[in-house]
Amino acid sequence: MFTAENWPIAGNMLAFGSETPEGIPVWEAPVEYWADCLRQMRELGFDHIDPTDAWLPLQRLTDDRLREFKEVLHGEGLGISSISMTRNSVVDAHNADRNLADAHRLMDIAVEFGATIVNTGFMQALTPAQSKATWFWLEKGHHDDPSLRPLAIERIRELGDHAQANGIQLSLEMYEDTFIGTADAAVDFITDVDHAAVGLNPDLGNFVRLHRPLSTLGGDNPDELYEKVLPHSNFWHIKNYTRDEDPATGSYSSVPVPLKYGVVNYRRVIRRALELGYTGPFCCEHYGSDSIGVCAENKDYIRQVLHSAEKSPLLGAVFPRS
């Protein structure tokens, strides 16, 4: 159990990209580049980061380079509460076996760095159209093959066994058109996996931003979606969007915004998550603009919501007492 003050609220390193300005893959970059990125997060008040393999694929580092990264990380006063795999599905059409091996290596690396969560999902590489779009989610992307669902369950159970043996947990990121691409499908999948060390990442920002009816994703509004998946959740990529739809024309619009300004009322949703027993880390994400600056605002917002909940006679019991 965490207190409101020490609850891990990480910043996702996704905004820094997978290459340096000189075009060097981040995993091959000098430690000075790593330190510069990490220092920006620390100066924004973060205590934890999620390195995400879309920034620094830790599984590609040699043991010597892992030690270098750990030294830089600690030198900047940061810890890792979670490690996310991005678009590296364990049933990927081309790299499934490699991605499974990478996930297993990250299970061991997570323990070495003190992380309690390895996060993965079934989304796959962006299509050329998605890469060119202003917002990638506005173009049609990958759809999971239903015939691979049994293999996906088998491999997630395998990873769950590894996580459990290491004393950590595996989290599955909800994403449209995958095996966990609606609220109901996610609950069905996690129920079929049936593993104590495997939970959901209720990243419903991925759903709210879509230009399609929320009813096709499991609920008429965000609260209905969250009510279904929060009881199964152990980690949280958290972000928000404006959302507007015009029934007369069938038009939609959505834009990334800080948590307190979007269509999801996160003060209400986080408090509801606590009521339902949520105890996992948070990881702040944002697309566009000054992403890490917005993430820092979101960190402070979440912290305030947690402090308010800790003082509540209705919610205070979920926090440890001295």
C-alpha atoms as a PDB file:
ATOM      1  CA  MET A   1       0.000   0.000   0.000  1.00  0.00           C
ATOM      2  CA  PHE A   2       1.175   3.516  -0.842  1.00  0.00           C
ATOM      3  CA  THR A   3       0.483   6.824   0.846  1.00  0.00           C
ATOM      4  CA  ALA A   4      -0.722   9.746  -1.230  1.00  0.00           C
ATOM      5  CA  GLU A   5       2.753  11.242  -0.994  1.00  0.00           C
ATOM      6  CA  ASN A   6       4.806   8.223  -2.089  1.00  0.00           C
ATOM      7  CA  TRP A   7       2.405   6.702  -4.636  1.00  0.00           C
ATOM      8  CA  PRO A   8       4.476   6.164  -7.821  1.00  0.00           C
ATOM      9  CA  ILE A   9       3.426   8.600 -10.551  1.00  0.00           C
ATOM     10  CA  ALA A  10       5.846   8.226 -13.439  1.00  0.00           C
ATOM     11  CA  GLY A  11       6.433  10.228 -16.574  1.00  0.00           C
ATOM     12  CA  ASN A  12       6.538   8.281 -19.821  1.00  0.00           C
ATOM     13  CA  MET A  13       9.713   8.919 -21.831  1.00  0.00           C
ATOM     14  CA  LEU A  14       7.877   8.412 -25.137  1.00  0.00           C
ATOM     15  CA  ALA A  15       8.004  12.127 -25.966  1.00  0.00           C
ATOM     16  CA  PHE A  16      11.790  12.032 -26.414  1.00  0.00           C
ATOM     17  CA  GLY A  17      11.514   9.632 -29.359  1.00  0.00           C
ATOM     18  CA  SER A  18      13.603   6.622 -30.291  1.00  0.00           C
ATOM     19  CA  GLU A  19      16.546   8.554 -31.766  1.00  0.00           C
ATOM     20  CA  THR A  20      18.772  11.442 -30.736  1.00  0.00           C
ATOM     21  CA  PRO A  21      18.656  14.666 -32.807  1.00  0.00           C
ATOM     22  CA  GLU A  22      21.656  13.243 -34.689  1.00  0.00           C
ATOM     23  CA  GLY A  23      19.722  10.119 -35.648  1.00  0.00           C
ATOM     24  CA  ILE A  24      21.434   7.739 -33.200  1.00  0.00           C
ATOM     25  CA  PRO A  25      19.140   5.088 -31.681  1.00  0.00           C
ATOM     26  CA  VAL A  26      18.682   5.982 -28.016  1.00  0.00           C
ATOM     27  CA  TRP A  27      19.926   2.570 -26.892  1.00  0.00           C
ATOM     28  CA  GLU A  28      23.244   3.350 -28.646  1.00  0.00           C
ATOM     29  CA  ALA A  29      23.395   6.959 -27.436  1.00  0.00           C
ATOM     30  CA  PRO A  30      26.056   8.215 -25.014  1.00  0.00           C
ATOM     31  CA  VAL A  31      25.175   8.403 -21.338  1.00  0.00           C
ATOM     32  CA  GLU A  32      25.231  12.203 -21.581  1.00  0.00           C
ATOM     33  CA  TYR A  33      22.145  12.075 -23.796  1.00  0.00           C
ATOM     34  CA  TRP A  34      20.345   9.769 -21.383  1.00  0.00           C
ATOM     35  CA  ALA A  35      21.266  12.100 -18.525  1.00  0.00           C
ATOM     36  CA  ASP A  36      19.925  15.167 -20.355  1.00  0.00           C
ATOM     37  CA  CYS A  37      16.528  13.516 -20.955  1.00  0.00           C
ATOM     38  CA  LEU A  38      16.323  12.241 -17.395  1.00  0.00           C
ATOM     39  CA  ARG A  39      17.337  15.579 -15.905  1.00  0.00           C
ATOM     40  CA  GLN A  40      14.447  17.288 -17.697  1.00  0.00           C
ATOM     41  CA  MET A  41      12.049  14.875 -16.020  1.00  0.00           C
ATOM     42  CA  ARG A  42      13.623  15.404 -12.604  1.00  0.00           C
ATOM     43  CA  GLU A  43      13.449  19.170 -12.994  1.00  0.00           C
ATOM     44  CA  LEU A  44       9.717  18.796 -13.629  1.00  0.00           C
ATOM     45  CA  GLY A  45       9.366  17.108 -10.263  1.00  0.00           C
ATOM     46  CA  PHE A  46       9.179  13.463 -11.294  1.00  0.00           C
ATOM     47  CA  ASP A  47      10.556  10.817  -8.944  1.00  0.00           C
ATOM     48  CA  HIS A  48       9.867   7.959 -11.365  1.00  0.00           C
ATOM     49  CA  ILE A  49       9.922   7.366 -15.092  1.00  0.00           C
ATOM     50  CA  ASP A  50       8.731   4.649 -17.433  1.00  0.00           C
ATOM     51  CA  PRO A  51      11.594   4.243 -19.929  1.00  0.00           C
ATOM     52  CA  THR A  52       9.341   2.511 -22.531  1.00  0.00           C
ATOM     53  CA  ASP A  53      11.066   0.622 -25.323  1.00  0.00           C
ATOM     54  CA  ALA A  54       9.800   3.318 -27.710  1.00  0.00           C
ATOM     55  CA  TRP A  55      12.512   5.490 -26.088  1.00  0.00           C
ATOM     56  CA  LEU A  56      15.145   3.190 -24.620  1.00  0.00           C
ATOM     57  CA  PRO A  57      14.664  -0.563 -25.193  1.00  0.00           C
ATOM     58  CA  LEU A  58      16.445  -1.780 -22.070  1.00  0.00           C
ATOM     59  CA  GLN A  59      16.324  -5.345 -23.382  1.00  0.00           C
ATOM     60  CA  ARG A  60      18.813  -4.370 -26.115  1.00  0.00           C
ATOM     61  CA  LEU A  61      21.437  -3.102 -23.687  1.00  0.00           C
ATOM     62  CA  THR A  62      24.417  -5.195 -22.686  1.00  0.00           C
ATOM     63  CA  ASP A  63      24.957  -5.787 -18.987  1.00  0.00           C
ATOM     64  CA  ASP A  64      27.628  -3.059 -18.982  1.00  0.00           C
ATOM     65  CA  ARG A  65      25.286  -0.535 -20.599  1.00  0.00           C
ATOM     66  CA  LEU A  66      22.495  -1.466 -18.213  1.00  0.00           C
ATOM     67  CA  ARG A  67      24.853  -0.639 -15.353  1.00  0.00           C
ATOM     68  CA  GLU A  68      25.654   2.680 -17.017  1.00  0.00           C
ATOM     69  CA  PHE A  69      21.977   3.495 -17.344  1.00  0.00           C
ATOM     70  CA  LYS A  70      21.327   2.570 -13.737  1.00  0.00           C
ATOM     71  CA  GLU A  71      24.142   4.878 -12.620  1.00  0.00           C
ATOM     72  CA  VAL A  72      22.788   7.777 -14.699  1.00  0.00           C
ATOM     73  CA  LEU A  73      19.244   7.134 -13.491  1.00  0.00           C
ATOM     74  CA  HIS A  74      20.279   7.147  -9.841  1.00  0.00           C
ATOM     75  CA  GLY A  75      22.565  10.109 -10.447  1.00  0.00           C
ATOM     76  CA  GLU A  76      19.558  12.120 -11.575  1.00  0.00           C
ATOM     77  CA  GLY A  77      17.573  10.993  -8.519  1.00  0.00           C
ATOM     78  CA  LEU A  78      15.036   8.914 -10.440  1.00  0.00           C
ATOM     79  CA  GLY A  79      13.543   5.464 -10.123  1.00  0.00           C
ATOM     80  CA  ILE A  80      11.579   3.197 -12.456  1.00  0.00           C
ATOM     81  CA  SER A  81       8.120   2.082 -11.339  1.00  0.00           C
ATOM     82  CA  SER A  82       7.121   0.417 -14.619  1.00  0.00           C
ATOM     83  CA  ILE A  83       8.575  -0.630 -17.969  1.00  0.00           C
ATOM     84  CA  SER A  84       6.292  -0.462 -20.999  1.00  0.00           C
ATOM     85  CA  MET A  85       6.589  -2.321 -24.281  1.00  0.00           C
ATOM     86  CA  THR A  86       5.116  -0.301 -27.147  1.00  0.00           C
ATOM     87  CA  ARG A  87       3.813  -1.892 -30.357  1.00  0.00           C
ATOM     88  CA  ASN A  88       5.681  -5.126 -29.709  1.00  0.00           C
ATOM     89  CA  SER A  89       2.909  -7.698 -29.489  1.00  0.00           C
ATOM     90  CA  VAL A  90       3.797 -11.248 -28.472  1.00  0.00           C
ATOM     91  CA  VAL A  91       1.606 -12.400 -31.394  1.00  0.00           C
ATOM     92  CA  ASP A  92       3.004  -9.846 -33.862  1.00  0.00           C
ATOM     93  CA  ALA A  93       2.773 -10.956 -37.483  1.00  0.00           C
ATOM     94  CA  HIS A  94       6.539 -10.727 -38.001  1.00  0.00           C
ATOM     95  CA  ASN A  95       8.333 -10.497 -34.650  1.00  0.00           C
ATOM     96  CA  ALA A  96       6.202 -12.468 -32.186  1.00  0.00           C
ATOM     97  CA  ASP A  97       8.958 -14.765 -30.915  1.00  0.00           C
ATOM     98  CA  ARG A  98      11.463 -11.934 -30.537  1.00  0.00           C
ATOM     99  CA  ASN A  99       8.904  -9.814 -28.704  1.00  0.00           C
ATOM    100  CA  LEU A 100       8.126 -12.694 -26.345  1.00  0.00           C
ATOM    101  CA  ALA A 101      11.839 -13.115 -25.599  1.00  0.00           C
ATOM    102  CA  ASP A 102      12.153  -9.351 -25.044  1.00  0.00           C
ATOM    103  CA  ALA A 103       9.232  -9.419 -22.614  1.00  0.00           C
ATOM    104  CA  HIS A 104      10.904 -12.193 -20.634  1.00  0.00           C
ATOM    105  CA  ARG A 105      14.151 -10.223 -20.455  1.00  0.00           C
ATOM    106  CA  LEU A 106      12.276  -7.147 -19.280  1.00  0.00           C
ATOM    107  CA  MET A 107      10.781  -9.231 -16.454  1.00  0.00           C
ATOM    108  CA  ASP A 108      14.269  -9.723 -15.072  1.00  0.00           C
ATOM    109  CA  ILE A 109      15.423  -6.169 -15.809  1.00  0.00           C
ATOM    110  CA  ALA A 110      12.363  -4.785 -14.014  1.00  0.00           C
ATOM    111  CA  VAL A 111      13.388  -6.536 -10.807  1.00  0.00           C
ATOM    112  CA  GLU A 112      16.931  -5.222 -11.134  1.00  0.00           C
ATOM    113  CA  PHE A 113      15.610  -1.652 -11.373  1.00  0.00           C
ATOM    114  CA  GLY A 114      12.948  -1.979  -8.689  1.00  0.00           C
ATOM    115  CA  ALA A 115       9.998  -1.739 -11.088  1.00  0.00           C
ATOM    116  CA  THR A 116       6.855  -3.619 -10.103  1.00  0.00           C
ATOM    117  CA  ILE A 117       5.135  -3.661 -13.509  1.00  0.00           C
ATOM    118  CA  VAL A 118       5.982  -4.739 -17.038  1.00  0.00           C
ATOM    119  CA  ASN A 119       3.334  -3.386 -19.400  1.00  0.00           C
ATOM    120  CA  THR A 120       2.628  -4.812 -22.838  1.00  0.00           C
ATOM    121  CA  GLY A 121      -0.225  -5.022 -25.303  1.00  0.00           C
ATOM    122  CA  PHE A 122      -1.287  -6.284 -28.710  1.00  0.00           C
ATOM    123  CA  MET A 123      -1.009  -3.094 -30.771  1.00  0.00           C
ATOM    124  CA  GLN A 124       1.406  -3.353 -33.676  1.00  0.00           C
ATOM    125  CA  ALA A 125       3.507  -0.987 -35.799  1.00  0.00           C
ATOM    126  CA  LEU A 126       1.885   2.110 -37.235  1.00  0.00           C
ATOM    127  CA  THR A 127       0.863   1.913 -40.873  1.00  0.00           C
ATOM    128  CA  PRO A 128       2.352   4.437 -43.354  1.00  0.00           C
ATOM    129  CA  ALA A 129      -0.968   6.310 -43.320  1.00  0.00           C
ATOM    130  CA  GLN A 130      -0.949   6.485 -39.522  1.00  0.00           C
ATOM    131  CA  SER A 131       2.639   7.760 -39.521  1.00  0.00           C
ATOM    132  CA  LYS A 132       1.693  10.622 -41.863  1.00  0.00           C
ATOM    133  CA  ALA A 133      -1.521  11.602 -40.078  1.00  0.00           C
ATOM    134  CA  THR A 134      -1.730  14.601 -37.745  1.00  0.00           C
ATOM    135  CA  TRP A 135      -2.953  12.149 -35.086  1.00  0.00           C
ATOM    136  CA  PHE A 136      -2.161   8.500 -35.818  1.00  0.00           C
ATOM    137  CA  TRP A 137      -5.380   7.240 -34.237  1.00  0.00           C
ATOM    138  CA  LEU A 138      -7.447   8.901 -36.977  1.00  0.00           C
ATOM    139  CA  GLU A 139      -6.234   6.400 -39.595  1.00  0.00           C
ATOM    140  CA  LYS A 140      -7.089   2.710 -39.721  1.00  0.00           C
ATOM    141  CA  GLY A 141      -4.504   0.577 -37.921  1.00  0.00           C
ATOM    142  CA  HIS A 142      -3.816  -3.036 -37.031  1.00  0.00           C
ATOM    143  CA  HIS A 143      -6.669  -5.434 -36.225  1.00  0.00           C
ATOM    144  CA  ASP A 144      -5.913  -8.589 -34.258  1.00  0.00           C
ATOM    145  CA  ASP A 145      -6.574 -11.936 -35.906  1.00  0.00           C
ATOM    146  CA  PRO A 146      -9.198 -13.766 -33.794  1.00  0.00           C
ATOM    147  CA  SER A 147      -7.566 -17.100 -34.607  1.00  0.00           C
ATOM    148  CA  LEU A 148      -4.474 -16.001 -32.615  1.00  0.00           C
ATOM    149  CA  ARG A 149      -6.406 -15.336 -29.416  1.00  0.00           C
ATOM    150  CA  PRO A 150      -5.630 -18.777 -27.873  1.00  0.00           C
ATOM    151  CA  LEU A 151      -1.906 -18.249 -28.554  1.00  0.00           C
ATOM    152  CA  ALA A 152      -2.115 -14.758 -27.058  1.00  0.00           C
ATOM    153  CA  ILE A 153      -3.674 -16.179 -23.876  1.00  0.00           C
ATOM    154  CA  GLU A 154      -1.036 -18.901 -23.699  1.00  0.00           C
ATOM    155  CA  ARG A 155       1.843 -16.443 -24.045  1.00  0.00           C
ATOM    156  CA  ILE A 156       0.393 -13.992 -21.545  1.00  0.00           C
ATOM    157  CA  ARG A 157       0.035 -16.813 -19.016  1.00  0.00           C
ATOM    158  CA  GLU A 158       3.659 -17.745 -19.671  1.00  0.00           C
ATOM    159  CA  LEU A 159       4.716 -14.155 -18.971  1.00  0.00           C
ATOM    160  CA  GLY A 160       2.450 -14.096 -15.941  1.00  0.00           C
ATOM    161  CA  ASP A 161       4.295 -17.110 -14.533  1.00  0.00           C
ATOM    162  CA  HIS A 162       7.607 -15.286 -14.995  1.00  0.00           C
ATOM    163  CA  ALA A 163       6.246 -12.130 -13.399  1.00  0.00           C
ATOM    164  CA  GLN A 164       4.887 -14.043 -10.432  1.00  0.00           C
ATOM    165  CA  ALA A 165       8.198 -15.849  -9.929  1.00  0.00           C
ATOM    166  CA  ASN A 166       9.933 -12.456  -9.871  1.00  0.00           C
ATOM    167  CA  GLY A 167       7.455 -10.908  -7.458  1.00  0.00           C
ATOM    168  CA  ILE A 168       6.150  -8.379  -9.999  1.00  0.00           C
ATOM    169  CA  GLN A 169       3.092  -8.096 -12.256  1.00  0.00           C
ATOM    170  CA  LEU A 170       2.270  -7.984 -15.946  1.00  0.00           C
ATOM    171  CA  SER A 171      -0.224  -5.407 -17.217  1.00  0.00           C
ATOM    172  CA  LEU A 172      -2.067  -5.475 -20.557  1.00  0.00           C
ATOM    173  CA  GLU A 173      -2.676  -2.150 -22.254  1.00  0.00           C
ATOM    174  CA  MET A 174      -6.174  -1.672 -23.659  1.00  0.00           C
ATOM    175  CA  TYR A 175      -6.088  -0.580 -27.293  1.00  0.00           C
ATOM    176  CA  GLU A 176      -8.695  -0.484 -30.029  1.00  0.00           C
ATOM    177  CA  ASP A 177      -9.129  -3.391 -32.449  1.00  0.00           C
ATOM    178  CA  THR A 178      -6.944  -5.735 -30.414  1.00  0.00           C
ATOM    179  CA  PHE A 179      -7.940  -8.696 -28.249  1.00  0.00           C
ATOM    180  CA  ILE A 180      -8.529  -6.158 -25.471  1.00  0.00           C
ATOM    181  CA  GLY A 181      -9.982  -3.482 -27.749  1.00  0.00           C
ATOM    182  CA  THR A 182     -13.278  -2.930 -25.916  1.00  0.00           C
ATOM    183  CA  ALA A 183     -14.134  -2.890 -22.237  1.00  0.00           C
ATOM    184  CA  ASP A 184     -16.028  -6.170 -22.529  1.00  0.00           C
ATOM    185  CA  ALA A 185     -13.335  -7.869 -24.613  1.00  0.00           C
ATOM    186  CA  ALA A 186     -10.698  -6.825 -22.089  1.00  0.00           C
ATOM    187  CA  VAL A 187     -12.642  -8.286 -19.173  1.00  0.00           C
ATOM    188  CA  ASP A 188     -13.257 -11.490 -21.150  1.00  0.00           C
ATOM    189  CA  PHE A 189      -9.583 -11.798 -22.048  1.00  0.00           C
ATOM    190  CA  ILE A 190      -8.263 -11.189 -18.535  1.00  0.00           C
ATOM    191  CA  THR A 191     -10.857 -13.635 -17.196  1.00  0.00           C
ATOM    192  CA  ASP A 192      -9.707 -16.291 -19.651  1.00  0.00           C
ATOM    193  CA  VAL A 193      -6.040 -15.679 -18.790  1.00  0.00           C
ATOM    194  CA  ASP A 194      -7.000 -16.174 -15.140  1.00  0.00           C
ATOM    195  CA  HIS A 195      -3.602 -15.373 -13.636  1.00  0.00           C
ATOM    196  CA  ALA A 196      -2.982 -13.639 -10.309  1.00  0.00           C
ATOM    197  CA  ALA A 197       0.023 -11.731 -11.678  1.00  0.00           C
ATOM    198  CA  VAL A 198      -1.741 -10.373 -14.785  1.00  0.00           C
ATOM    199  CA  GLY A 199      -4.019  -7.333 -14.843  1.00  0.00           C
ATOM    200  CA  LEU A 200      -5.273  -4.604 -17.149  1.00  0.00           C
ATOM    201  CA  ASN A 201      -3.873  -1.191 -17.966  1.00  0.00           C
ATOM    202  CA  PRO A 202      -7.143   0.803 -18.334  1.00  0.00           C
ATOM    203  CA  ASP A 203      -5.663   3.244 -20.837  1.00  0.00           C
ATOM    204  CA  LEU A 204      -9.083   4.415 -21.950  1.00  0.00           C
ATOM    205  CA  GLY A 205      -7.649   7.606 -23.349  1.00  0.00           C
ATOM    206  CA  ASN A 206      -6.908   5.308 -26.295  1.00  0.00           C
ATOM    207  CA  PHE A 207     -10.683   4.869 -26.679  1.00  0.00           C
ATOM    208  CA  VAL A 208     -11.926   8.385 -25.900  1.00  0.00           C
ATOM    209  CA  ARG A 209      -9.813   9.897 -28.677  1.00  0.00           C
ATOM    210  CA  LEU A 210     -11.272   7.660 -31.406  1.00  0.00           C
ATOM    211  CA  HIS A 211     -13.710   9.049 -33.949  1.00  0.00           C
ATOM    212  CA  ARG A 212     -16.265   6.344 -33.341  1.00  0.00           C
ATOM    213  CA  PRO A 213     -19.166   5.862 -30.890  1.00  0.00           C
ATOM    214  CA  LEU A 214     -18.078   4.926 -27.377  1.00  0.00           C
ATOM    215  CA  SER A 215     -20.956   2.457 -27.322  1.00  0.00           C
ATOM    216  CA  THR A 216     -18.974   0.291 -29.772  1.00  0.00           C
ATOM    217  CA  LEU A 217     -16.163   0.186 -27.203  1.00  0.00           C
ATOM    218  CA  GLY A 218     -18.223  -0.976 -24.262  1.00  0.00           C
ATOM    219  CA  GLY A 219     -20.095   1.977 -22.765  1.00  0.00           C
ATOM    220  CA  ASP A 220     -22.011   5.145 -23.521  1.00  0.00           C
ATOM    221  CA  ASN A 221     -19.562   7.296 -21.531  1.00  0.00           C
ATOM    222  CA  PRO A 222     -16.117   7.001 -19.941  1.00  0.00           C
ATOM    223  CA  ASP A 223     -17.519   6.226 -16.484  1.00  0.00           C
ATOM    224  CA  GLU A 224     -19.303   3.144 -17.841  1.00  0.00           C
ATOM    225  CA  LEU A 225     -16.113   1.945 -19.522  1.00  0.00           C
ATOM    226  CA  TYR A 226     -14.034   2.423 -16.374  1.00  0.00           C
ATOM    227  CA  GLU A 227     -16.597   0.710 -14.180  1.00  0.00           C
ATOM    228  CA  LYS A 228     -16.075  -2.489 -16.156  1.00  0.00           C
ATOM    229  CA  VAL A 229     -12.286  -2.575 -16.247  1.00  0.00           C
ATOM    230  CA  LEU A 230     -11.054  -0.913 -13.038  1.00  0.00           C
ATOM    231  CA  PRO A 231     -11.680  -4.012 -10.878  1.00  0.00           C
ATOM    232  CA  HIS A 232      -9.154  -5.866 -13.069  1.00  0.00           C
ATOM    233  CA  SER A 233      -6.538  -3.098 -13.304  1.00  0.00           C
ATOM    234  CA  ASN A 234      -3.010  -3.136 -11.870  1.00  0.00           C
ATOM    235  CA  PHE A 235      -1.303  -0.271 -13.758  1.00  0.00           C
ATOM    236  CA  TRP A 236      -2.485   2.888 -15.498  1.00  0.00           C
ATOM    237  CA  HIS A 237      -1.330   4.870 -18.522  1.00  0.00           C
ATOM    238  CA  ILE A 238      -3.353   7.981 -17.804  1.00  0.00           C
ATOM    239  CA  LYS A 239      -4.184  10.774 -20.264  1.00  0.00           C
ATOM    240  CA  ASN A 240      -7.174  12.819 -21.381  1.00  0.00           C
ATOM    241  CA  TYR A 241      -8.759  14.323 -24.485  1.00  0.00           C
ATOM    242  CA  THR A 242     -11.547  16.646 -25.447  1.00  0.00           C
ATOM    243  CA  ARG A 243     -14.264  14.800 -27.320  1.00  0.00           C
ATOM    244  CA  ASP A 244     -17.150  16.140 -29.374  1.00  0.00           C
ATOM    245  CA  GLU A 245     -19.598  14.382 -31.646  1.00  0.00           C
ATOM    246  CA  ASP A 246     -22.429  15.744 -33.748  1.00  0.00           C
ATOM    247  CA  PRO A 247     -25.233  13.194 -34.256  1.00  0.00           C
ATOM    248  CA  ALA A 248     -26.690  15.312 -37.058  1.00  0.00           C
ATOM    249  CA  THR A 249     -23.591  15.021 -39.229  1.00  0.00           C
ATOM    250  CA  GLY A 250     -21.770  12.045 -37.703  1.00  0.00           C
ATOM    251  CA  SER A 251     -18.656  14.170 -37.209  1.00  0.00           C
ATOM    252  CA  TYR A 252     -16.203  13.794 -34.342  1.00  0.00           C
ATOM    253  CA  SER A 253     -13.308  15.748 -32.915  1.00  0.00           C
ATOM    254  CA  SER A 254     -10.756  14.992 -30.214  1.00  0.00           C
ATOM    255  CA  VAL A 255      -7.606  16.726 -28.990  1.00  0.00           C
ATOM    256  CA  PRO A 256      -5.108  15.765 -26.245  1.00  0.00           C
ATOM    257  CA  VAL A 257      -5.426  17.974 -23.156  1.00  0.00           C
ATOM    258  CA  PRO A 258      -4.250  17.923 -19.516  1.00  0.00           C
ATOM    259  CA  LEU A 259      -6.143  15.533 -17.263  1.00  0.00           C
ATOM    260  CA  LYS A 260      -8.405  18.076 -15.590  1.00  0.00           C
ATOM    261  CA  TYR A 261      -9.638  19.606 -18.868  1.00  0.00           C
ATOM    262  CA  GLY A 262     -10.749  16.557 -20.864  1.00  0.00           C
ATOM    263  CA  VAL A 263     -13.950  14.580 -21.192  1.00  0.00           C
ATOM    264  CA  VAL A 264     -12.932  12.077 -18.496  1.00  0.00           C
ATOM    265  CA  ASN A 265     -13.506  13.353 -14.959  1.00  0.00           C
ATOM    266  CA  TYR A 266     -10.363  11.838 -13.461  1.00  0.00           C
ATOM    267  CA  ARG A 267     -11.031  13.169  -9.979  1.00  0.00           C
ATOM    268  CA  ARG A 268     -14.121  11.002  -9.924  1.00  0.00           C
ATOM    269  CA  VAL A 269     -12.562   8.072 -11.764  1.00  0.00           C
ATOM    270  CA  ILE A 270      -9.415   7.880  -9.600  1.00  0.00           C
ATOM    271  CA  ARG A 271     -11.496   7.981  -6.432  1.00  0.00           C
ATOM    272  CA  ARG A 272     -13.695   5.234  -7.843  1.00  0.00           C
ATOM    273  CA  ALA A 273     -10.599   3.199  -8.695  1.00  0.00           C
ATOM    274  CA  LEU A 274      -9.445   3.446  -5.083  1.00  0.00           C
ATOM    275  CA  GLU A 275     -12.873   2.312  -3.889  1.00  0.00           C
ATOM    276  CA  LEU A 276     -12.544  -0.732  -6.126  1.00  0.00           C
ATOM    277  CA  GLY A 277      -9.119  -1.590  -4.731  1.00  0.00           C
ATOM    278  CA  TYR A 278      -6.706  -0.078  -7.260  1.00  0.00           C
ATOM    279  CA  THR A 279      -3.146  -0.077  -5.852  1.00  0.00           C
ATOM    280  CA  GLY A 280      -0.944   0.133  -8.960  1.00  0.00           C
ATOM    281  CA  PRO A 281       1.421   2.839 -10.218  1.00  0.00           C
ATOM    282  CA  PHE A 282       0.352   5.639 -12.525  1.00  0.00           C
ATOM    283  CA  CYS A 283       2.209   6.619 -15.691  1.00  0.00           C
ATOM    284  CA  CYS A 284       1.431  10.015 -17.229  1.00  0.00           C
ATOM    285  CA  GLU A 285       1.232  10.266 -21.024  1.00  0.00           C
ATOM    286  CA  HIS A 286       0.401  13.089 -23.427  1.00  0.00           C
ATOM    287  CA  TYR A 287       0.679  13.663 -27.176  1.00  0.00           C
ATOM    288  CA  GLY A 288       1.528  16.910 -28.920  1.00  0.00           C
ATOM    289  CA  SER A 289       2.716  20.258 -27.541  1.00  0.00           C
ATOM    290  CA  ASP A 290       5.108  20.124 -24.553  1.00  0.00           C
ATOM    291  CA  SER A 291       4.260  16.531 -23.675  1.00  0.00           C
ATOM    292  CA  ILE A 292       6.491  16.201 -20.627  1.00  0.00           C
ATOM    293  CA  GLY A 293       5.375  19.600 -19.331  1.00  0.00           C
ATOM    294  CA  VAL A 294       1.739  18.506 -19.521  1.00  0.00           C
ATOM    295  CA  CYS A 295       2.671  15.193 -17.889  1.00  0.00           C
ATOM    296  CA  ALA A 296       4.192  17.141 -15.005  1.00  0.00           C
ATOM    297  CA  GLU A 297       0.938  19.090 -14.539  1.00  0.00           C
ATOM    298  CA  ASN A 298      -0.938  15.785 -14.610  1.00  0.00           C
ATOM    299  CA  LYS A 299       1.394  14.326 -11.978  1.00  0.00           C
ATOM    300  CA  ASP A 300       0.611  17.195  -9.636  1.00  0.00           C
ATOM    301  CA  TYR A 301      -3.113  16.840 -10.335  1.00  0.00           C
ATOM    302  CA  ILE A 302      -3.077  13.092  -9.542  1.00  0.00           C
ATOM    303  CA  ARG A 303      -1.083  13.723  -6.372  1.00  0.00           C
ATOM    304  CA  GLN A 304      -3.661  16.265  -5.186  1.00  0.00           C
ATOM    305  CA  VAL A 305      -6.522  13.865  -5.911  1.00  0.00           C
ATOM    306  CA  LEU A 306      -4.724  11.194  -3.878  1.00  0.00           C
ATOM    307  CA  HIS A 307      -4.115  13.583  -0.970  1.00  0.00           C
ATOM    308  CA  SER A 308      -7.787  14.517  -0.977  1.00  0.00           C
ATOM    309  CA  ALA A 309      -8.795  10.852  -1.026  1.00  0.00           C
ATOM    310  CA  GLU A 310      -6.405  10.047   1.820  1.00  0.00           C
ATOM    311  CA  LYS A 311      -8.191  12.596   4.001  1.00  0.00           C
ATOM    312  CA  SER A 312     -11.648  11.359   3.039  1.00  0.00           C
ATOM    313  CA  PRO A 313     -13.623   9.432   5.698  1.00  0.00           C
ATOM    314  CA  LEU A 314     -14.944   7.319   2.824  1.00  0.00           C
ATOM    315  CA  LEU A 315     -11.611   6.507   1.127  1.00  0.00           C
ATOM    316  CA  GLY A 316      -8.973   6.955   3.814  1.00  0.00           C
ATOM    317  CA  ALA A 317      -9.070   3.273   4.731  1.00  0.00           C
ATOM    318  CA  VAL A 318      -7.392   2.325   1.430  1.00  0.00           C
ATOM    319  CA  PHE A 319      -4.203   4.095   2.552  1.00  0.00           C
ATOM    320  CA  PRO A 320      -1.817   2.730   5.197  1.00  0.00           C
ATOM    321  CA  ARG A 321      -2.026   4.167   8.699  1.00  0.00           C
ATOM    322  CA  SER A 322       0.883   4.636  11.058  1.00  0.00           C
END
